[in-house]
Amino acid sequence: SGIVFRLSDMGWFRQVPGKERIMV
């Protein structure tokens, strides 16, 4: 919500303790 979703590339990200959040 609050974005133009249909024009937005999207991603799923994962973060674990001590590591950088990355896009999977």
PDB file of all heavy atoms in Angstrom:
ATOM      1  N   SER A   1       0.844  -1.180   0.000  1.00  0.00           N
ATOM      2  CA  SER A   1       0.000   0.000   0.000  1.00  0.00           C
ATOM      3  C   SER A   1       0.884   1.235   0.000  1.00  0.00           C
ATOM      4  O   SER A   1       2.044   1.184   0.400  1.00  0.00           O
ATOM      5  CB  SER A   1      -0.944   0.027   1.207  1.00  0.00           C
ATOM      6  OG  SER A   1      -0.214   0.085   2.422  1.00  0.00           O
ATOM      7  N   GLY A   2       0.318   2.324  -0.459  1.00  0.00           N
ATOM      8  CA  GLY A   2       1.059   3.567  -0.466  1.00  0.00           C
ATOM      9  C   GLY A   2       2.087   3.686  -1.572  1.00  0.00           C
ATOM     10  O   GLY A   2       2.893   4.621  -1.565  1.00  0.00           O
ATOM     11  N   ILE A   3       2.070   2.750  -2.502  1.00  0.00           N
ATOM     12  CA  ILE A   3       2.974   2.789  -3.638  1.00  0.00           C
ATOM     13  C   ILE A   3       2.185   2.475  -4.903  1.00  0.00           C
ATOM     14  O   ILE A   3       1.067   1.956  -4.830  1.00  0.00           O
ATOM     15  CB  ILE A   3       4.152   1.804  -3.503  1.00  0.00           C
ATOM     16  CG1 ILE A   3       3.631   0.364  -3.490  1.00  0.00           C
ATOM     17  CG2 ILE A   3       4.964   2.112  -2.257  1.00  0.00           C
ATOM     18  CD1 ILE A   3       4.724  -0.676  -3.559  1.00  0.00           C
ATOM     19  N   VAL A   4       2.775   2.797  -6.032  1.00  0.00           N
ATOM     20  CA  VAL A   4       2.185   2.398  -7.302  1.00  0.00           C
ATOM     21  C   VAL A   4       2.704   0.992  -7.588  1.00  0.00           C
ATOM     22  O   VAL A   4       3.708   0.806  -8.282  1.00  0.00           O
ATOM     23  CB  VAL A   4       2.537   3.382  -8.419  1.00  0.00           C
ATOM     24  CG1 VAL A   4       1.803   3.005  -9.708  1.00  0.00           C
ATOM     25  CG2 VAL A   4       2.179   4.807  -8.018  1.00  0.00           C
ATOM     26  N   PHE A   5       2.025   0.020  -7.057  1.00  0.00           N
ATOM     27  CA  PHE A   5       2.515  -1.348  -7.073  1.00  0.00           C
ATOM     28  C   PHE A   5       2.744  -1.861  -8.485  1.00  0.00           C
ATOM     29  O   PHE A   5       3.743  -2.522  -8.765  1.00  0.00           O
ATOM     30  CB  PHE A   5       1.539  -2.257  -6.322  1.00  0.00           C
ATOM     31  CG  PHE A   5       1.999  -3.676  -6.205  1.00  0.00           C
ATOM     32  CD1 PHE A   5       2.936  -4.033  -5.258  1.00  0.00           C
ATOM     33  CD2 PHE A   5       1.493  -4.652  -7.045  1.00  0.00           C
ATOM     34  CE1 PHE A   5       3.362  -5.342  -5.138  1.00  0.00           C
ATOM     35  CE2 PHE A   5       1.906  -5.961  -6.943  1.00  0.00           C
ATOM     36  CZ  PHE A   5       2.852  -6.305  -5.978  1.00  0.00           C
ATOM     37  N   ARG A   6       1.831  -1.573  -9.374  1.00  0.00           N
ATOM     38  CA  ARG A   6       1.900  -2.110 -10.725  1.00  0.00           C
ATOM     39  C   ARG A   6       3.115  -1.613 -11.494  1.00  0.00           C
ATOM     40  O   ARG A   6       3.461  -2.193 -12.525  1.00  0.00           O
ATOM     41  CB  ARG A   6       0.623  -1.780 -11.491  1.00  0.00           C
ATOM     42  CG  ARG A   6       0.405  -0.300 -11.728  1.00  0.00           C
ATOM     43  CD  ARG A   6      -0.923  -0.051 -12.445  1.00  0.00           C
ATOM     44  NE  ARG A   6      -1.151   1.372 -12.653  1.00  0.00           N
ATOM     45  CZ  ARG A   6      -0.712   2.051 -13.697  1.00  0.00           C
ATOM     46  NH1 ARG A   6       0.000   1.447 -14.647  1.00  0.00           N
ATOM     47  NH2 ARG A   6      -0.974   3.347 -13.809  1.00  0.00           N
ATOM     48  N   LEU A   7       3.745  -0.552 -11.023  1.00  0.00           N
ATOM     49  CA  LEU A   7       4.930  -0.007 -11.661  1.00  0.00           C
ATOM     50  C   LEU A   7       6.202  -0.268 -10.861  1.00  0.00           C
ATOM     51  O   LEU A   7       7.257   0.268 -11.204  1.00  0.00           O
ATOM     52  CB  LEU A   7       4.772   1.497 -11.887  1.00  0.00           C
ATOM     53  CG  LEU A   7       3.618   1.931 -12.794  1.00  0.00           C
ATOM     54  CD1 LEU A   7       3.578   3.448 -12.908  1.00  0.00           C
ATOM     55  CD2 LEU A   7       3.742   1.295 -14.168  1.00  0.00           C
ATOM     56  N   SER A   8       6.108  -1.079  -9.830  1.00  0.00           N
ATOM     57  CA  SER A   8       7.218  -1.284  -8.921  1.00  0.00           C
ATOM     58  C   SER A   8       7.793  -2.677  -9.039  1.00  0.00           C
ATOM     59  O   SER A   8       7.074  -3.670  -8.881  1.00  0.00           O
ATOM     60  CB  SER A   8       6.772  -1.048  -7.472  1.00  0.00           C
ATOM     61  OG  SER A   8       6.283   0.268  -7.295  1.00  0.00           O
ATOM     62  N   ASP A   9       9.094  -2.753  -9.315  1.00  0.00           N
ATOM     63  CA  ASP A   9       9.794  -4.011  -9.123  1.00  0.00           C
ATOM     64  C   ASP A   9       9.760  -4.351  -7.638  1.00  0.00           C
ATOM     65  O   ASP A   9       9.863  -3.465  -6.787  1.00  0.00           O
ATOM     66  CB  ASP A   9      11.246  -3.903  -9.576  1.00  0.00           C
ATOM     67  CG  ASP A   9      11.387  -3.782 -11.079  1.00  0.00           C
ATOM     68  OD1 ASP A   9      10.368  -3.771 -11.794  1.00  0.00           O
ATOM     69  OD2 ASP A   9      12.542  -3.696 -11.549  1.00  0.00           O
ATOM     70  N   MET A  10       9.631  -5.624  -7.331  1.00  0.00           N
ATOM     71  CA  MET A  10       9.520  -6.051  -5.946  1.00  0.00           C
ATOM     72  C   MET A  10      10.510  -7.162  -5.642  1.00  0.00           C
ATOM     73  O   MET A  10      11.008  -7.836  -6.544  1.00  0.00           O
ATOM     74  CB  MET A  10       8.103  -6.535  -5.636  1.00  0.00           C
ATOM     75  CG  MET A  10       7.017  -5.485  -5.822  1.00  0.00           C
ATOM     76  SD  MET A  10       7.153  -4.110  -4.648  1.00  0.00           S
ATOM     77  CE  MET A  10       6.825  -4.957  -3.097  1.00  0.00           C
ATOM     78  N   GLY A  11      10.773  -7.344  -4.357  1.00  0.00           N
ATOM     79  CA  GLY A  11      11.677  -8.401  -3.953  1.00  0.00           C
ATOM     80  C   GLY A  11      11.324  -8.973  -2.602  1.00  0.00           C
ATOM     81  O   GLY A  11      10.670  -8.324  -1.787  1.00  0.00           O
ATOM     82  N   TRP A  12      11.761 -10.202  -2.400  1.00  0.00           N
ATOM     83  CA  TRP A  12      11.717 -10.840  -1.094  1.00  0.00           C
ATOM     84  C   TRP A  12      13.135 -10.895  -0.552  1.00  0.00           C
ATOM     85  O   TRP A  12      14.070 -11.281  -1.273  1.00  0.00           O
ATOM     86  CB  TRP A  12      11.129 -12.245  -1.172  1.00  0.00           C
ATOM     87  CG  TRP A  12       9.643 -12.267  -1.307  1.00  0.00           C
ATOM     88  CD1 TRP A  12       8.915 -12.410  -2.440  1.00  0.00           C
ATOM     89  CD2 TRP A  12       8.692 -12.154  -0.240  1.00  0.00           C
ATOM     90  NE1 TRP A  12       7.572 -12.392  -2.167  1.00  0.00           N
ATOM     91  CE2 TRP A  12       7.403 -12.234  -0.817  1.00  0.00           C
ATOM     92  CE3 TRP A  12       8.800 -11.993   1.150  1.00  0.00           C
ATOM     93  CZ2 TRP A  12       6.229 -12.152  -0.056  1.00  0.00           C
ATOM     94  CZ3 TRP A  12       7.638 -11.906   1.896  1.00  0.00           C
ATOM     95  CH2 TRP A  12       6.380 -11.994   1.295  1.00  0.00           C
ATOM     96  N   PHE A  13      13.284 -10.525   0.705  1.00  0.00           N
ATOM     97  CA  PHE A  13      14.580 -10.413   1.348  1.00  0.00           C
ATOM     98  C   PHE A  13      14.635 -11.307   2.571  1.00  0.00           C
ATOM     99  O   PHE A  13      13.618 -11.569   3.205  1.00  0.00           O
ATOM    100  CB  PHE A  13      14.850  -8.965   1.762  1.00  0.00           C
ATOM    101  CG  PHE A  13      14.792  -7.981   0.632  1.00  0.00           C
ATOM    102  CD1 PHE A  13      13.574  -7.545   0.134  1.00  0.00           C
ATOM    103  CD2 PHE A  13      15.951  -7.485   0.066  1.00  0.00           C
ATOM    104  CE1 PHE A  13      13.506  -6.635  -0.905  1.00  0.00           C
ATOM    105  CE2 PHE A  13      15.901  -6.570  -0.972  1.00  0.00           C
ATOM    106  CZ  PHE A  13      14.684  -6.148  -1.461  1.00  0.00           C
ATOM    107  N   ARG A  14      15.826 -11.750   2.894  1.00  0.00           N
ATOM    108  CA  ARG A  14      16.036 -12.561   4.084  1.00  0.00           C
ATOM    109  C   ARG A  14      17.192 -11.987   4.890  1.00  0.00           C
ATOM    110  O   ARG A  14      18.218 -11.594   4.328  1.00  0.00           O
ATOM    111  CB  ARG A  14      16.342 -14.016   3.713  1.00  0.00           C
ATOM    112  CG  ARG A  14      16.501 -14.930   4.932  1.00  0.00           C
ATOM    113  CD  ARG A  14      16.856 -16.353   4.522  1.00  0.00           C
ATOM    114  NE  ARG A  14      18.185 -16.432   3.962  1.00  0.00           N
ATOM    115  CZ  ARG A  14      18.470 -16.987   2.794  1.00  0.00           C
ATOM    116  NH1 ARG A  14      17.496 -17.524   2.055  1.00  0.00           N
ATOM    117  NH2 ARG A  14      19.721 -17.023   2.372  1.00  0.00           N
ATOM    118  N   GLN A  15      17.017 -11.974   6.198  1.00  0.00           N
ATOM    119  CA  GLN A  15      18.066 -11.526   7.093  1.00  0.00           C
ATOM    120  C   GLN A  15      18.211 -12.520   8.235  1.00  0.00           C
ATOM    121  O   GLN A  15      17.222 -12.973   8.808  1.00  0.00           O
ATOM    122  CB  GLN A  15      17.764 -10.136   7.641  1.00  0.00           C
ATOM    123  CG  GLN A  15      18.898  -9.543   8.465  1.00  0.00           C
ATOM    124  CD  GLN A  15      18.634  -8.101   8.849  1.00  0.00           C
ATOM    125  OE1 GLN A  15      17.506  -7.715   9.129  1.00  0.00           O
ATOM    126  NE2 GLN A  15      19.690  -7.293   8.862  1.00  0.00           N
ATOM    127  N   VAL A  16      19.454 -12.854   8.555  1.00  0.00           N
ATOM    128  CA  VAL A  16      19.757 -13.714   9.688  1.00  0.00           C
ATOM    129  C   VAL A  16      20.678 -12.947  10.621  1.00  0.00           C
ATOM    130  O   VAL A  16      21.369 -12.008  10.201  1.00  0.00           O
ATOM    131  CB  VAL A  16      20.394 -15.040   9.246  1.00  0.00           C
ATOM    132  CG1 VAL A  16      19.445 -15.808   8.345  1.00  0.00           C
ATOM    133  CG2 VAL A  16      21.713 -14.784   8.524  1.00  0.00           C
ATOM    134  N   PRO A  17      20.724 -13.329  11.900  1.00  0.00           N
ATOM    135  CA  PRO A  17      21.576 -12.599  12.851  1.00  0.00           C
ATOM    136  C   PRO A  17      23.019 -12.534  12.398  1.00  0.00           C
ATOM    137  O   PRO A  17      23.605 -13.541  11.996  1.00  0.00           O
ATOM    138  CB  PRO A  17      21.426 -13.411  14.136  1.00  0.00           C
ATOM    139  CG  PRO A  17      20.073 -14.037  14.022  1.00  0.00           C
ATOM    140  CD  PRO A  17      19.927 -14.367  12.567  1.00  0.00           C
ATOM    141  N   GLY A  18      23.570 -11.335  12.469  1.00  0.00           N
ATOM    142  CA  GLY A  18      24.966 -11.152  12.132  1.00  0.00           C
ATOM    143  C   GLY A  18      25.264 -11.053  10.656  1.00  0.00           C
ATOM    144  O   GLY A  18      26.438 -10.933  10.280  1.00  0.00           O
ATOM    145  N   LYS A  19      24.236 -11.107   9.829  1.00  0.00           N
ATOM    146  CA  LYS A  19      24.452 -11.033   8.398  1.00  0.00           C
ATOM    147  C   LYS A  19      23.600  -9.938   7.777  1.00  0.00           C
ATOM    148  O   LYS A  19      22.567  -9.545   8.311  1.00  0.00           O
ATOM    149  CB  LYS A  19      24.135 -12.368   7.728  1.00  0.00           C
ATOM    150  CG  LYS A  19      25.054 -13.506   8.148  1.00  0.00           C
ATOM    151  CD  LYS A  19      24.753 -14.772   7.372  1.00  0.00           C
ATOM    152  CE  LYS A  19      25.688 -15.893   7.762  1.00  0.00           C
ATOM    153  NZ  LYS A  19      25.399 -17.128   6.996  1.00  0.00           N
ATOM    154  N   GLU A  20      24.036  -9.485   6.652  1.00  0.00           N
ATOM    155  CA  GLU A  20      23.336  -8.438   5.922  1.00  0.00           C
ATOM    156  C   GLU A  20      22.054  -8.978   5.312  1.00  0.00           C
ATOM    157  O   GLU A  20      21.981 -10.125   4.882  1.00  0.00           O
ATOM    158  CB  GLU A  20      24.259  -7.887   4.832  1.00  0.00           C
ATOM    159  CG  GLU A  20      23.666  -6.784   3.994  1.00  0.00           C
ATOM    160  CD  GLU A  20      24.619  -6.309   2.918  1.00  0.00           C
ATOM    161  OE1 GLU A  20      25.841  -6.532   3.062  1.00  0.00           O
ATOM    162  OE2 GLU A  20      24.155  -5.705   1.934  1.00  0.00           O
ATOM    163  N   ARG A  21      21.042  -8.141   5.298  1.00  0.00           N
ATOM    164  CA  ARG A  21      19.811  -8.503   4.621  1.00  0.00           C
ATOM    165  C   ARG A  21      20.073  -8.596   3.120  1.00  0.00           C
ATOM    166  O   ARG A  21      20.671  -7.699   2.526  1.00  0.00           O
ATOM    167  CB  ARG A  21      18.729  -7.455   4.895  1.00  0.00           C
ATOM    168  CG  ARG A  21      17.389  -7.748   4.248  1.00  0.00           C
ATOM    169  CD  ARG A  21      16.445  -6.555   4.364  1.00  0.00           C
ATOM    170  NE  ARG A  21      15.949  -6.349   5.716  1.00  0.00           N
ATOM    171  CZ  ARG A  21      16.283  -5.328   6.505  1.00  0.00           C
ATOM    172  NH1 ARG A  21      17.126  -4.406   6.086  1.00  0.00           N
ATOM    173  NH2 ARG A  21      15.767  -5.233   7.723  1.00  0.00           N
ATOM    174  N   ILE A  22      19.638  -9.681   2.523  1.00  0.00           N
ATOM    175  CA  ILE A  22      19.872  -9.893   1.104  1.00  0.00           C
ATOM    176  C   ILE A  22      18.568 -10.200   0.389  1.00  0.00           C
ATOM    177  O   ILE A  22      17.623 -10.725   0.976  1.00  0.00           O
ATOM    178  CB  ILE A  22      20.875 -11.034   0.850  1.00  0.00           C
ATOM    179  CG1 ILE A  22      20.322 -12.357   1.377  1.00  0.00           C
ATOM    180  CG2 ILE A  22      22.224 -10.717   1.463  1.00  0.00           C
ATOM    181  CD1 ILE A  22      21.121 -13.564   0.945  1.00  0.00           C
ATOM    182  N   MET A  23      18.543  -9.885  -0.870  1.00  0.00           N
ATOM    183  CA  MET A  23      17.402 -10.234  -1.698  1.00  0.00           C
ATOM    184  C   MET A  23      17.567 -11.664  -2.184  1.00  0.00           C
ATOM    185  O   MET A  23      18.601 -12.015  -2.737  1.00  0.00           O
ATOM    186  CB  MET A  23      17.298  -9.283  -2.888  1.00  0.00           C
ATOM    187  CG  MET A  23      16.087  -9.540  -3.778  1.00  0.00           C
ATOM    188  SD  MET A  23      16.045  -8.472  -5.253  1.00  0.00           S
ATOM    189  CE  MET A  23      15.786  -6.866  -4.498  1.00  0.00           C
ATOM    190  N   VAL A  24      16.554 -12.473  -1.983  1.00  0.00           N
ATOM    191  CA  VAL A  24      16.606 -13.853  -2.435  1.00  0.00           C
ATOM    192  C   VAL A  24      15.768 -14.084  -3.678  1.00  0.00           C
ATOM    193  O   VAL A  24      16.006 -15.048  -4.413  1.00  0.00           O
ATOM    194  CB  VAL A  24      16.182 -14.836  -1.325  1.00  0.00           C
ATOM    195  CG1 VAL A  24      17.121 -14.721  -0.134  1.00  0.00           C
ATOM    196  CG2 VAL A  24      14.740 -14.588  -0.894  1.00  0.00           C
TER     197      VAL A  24
END
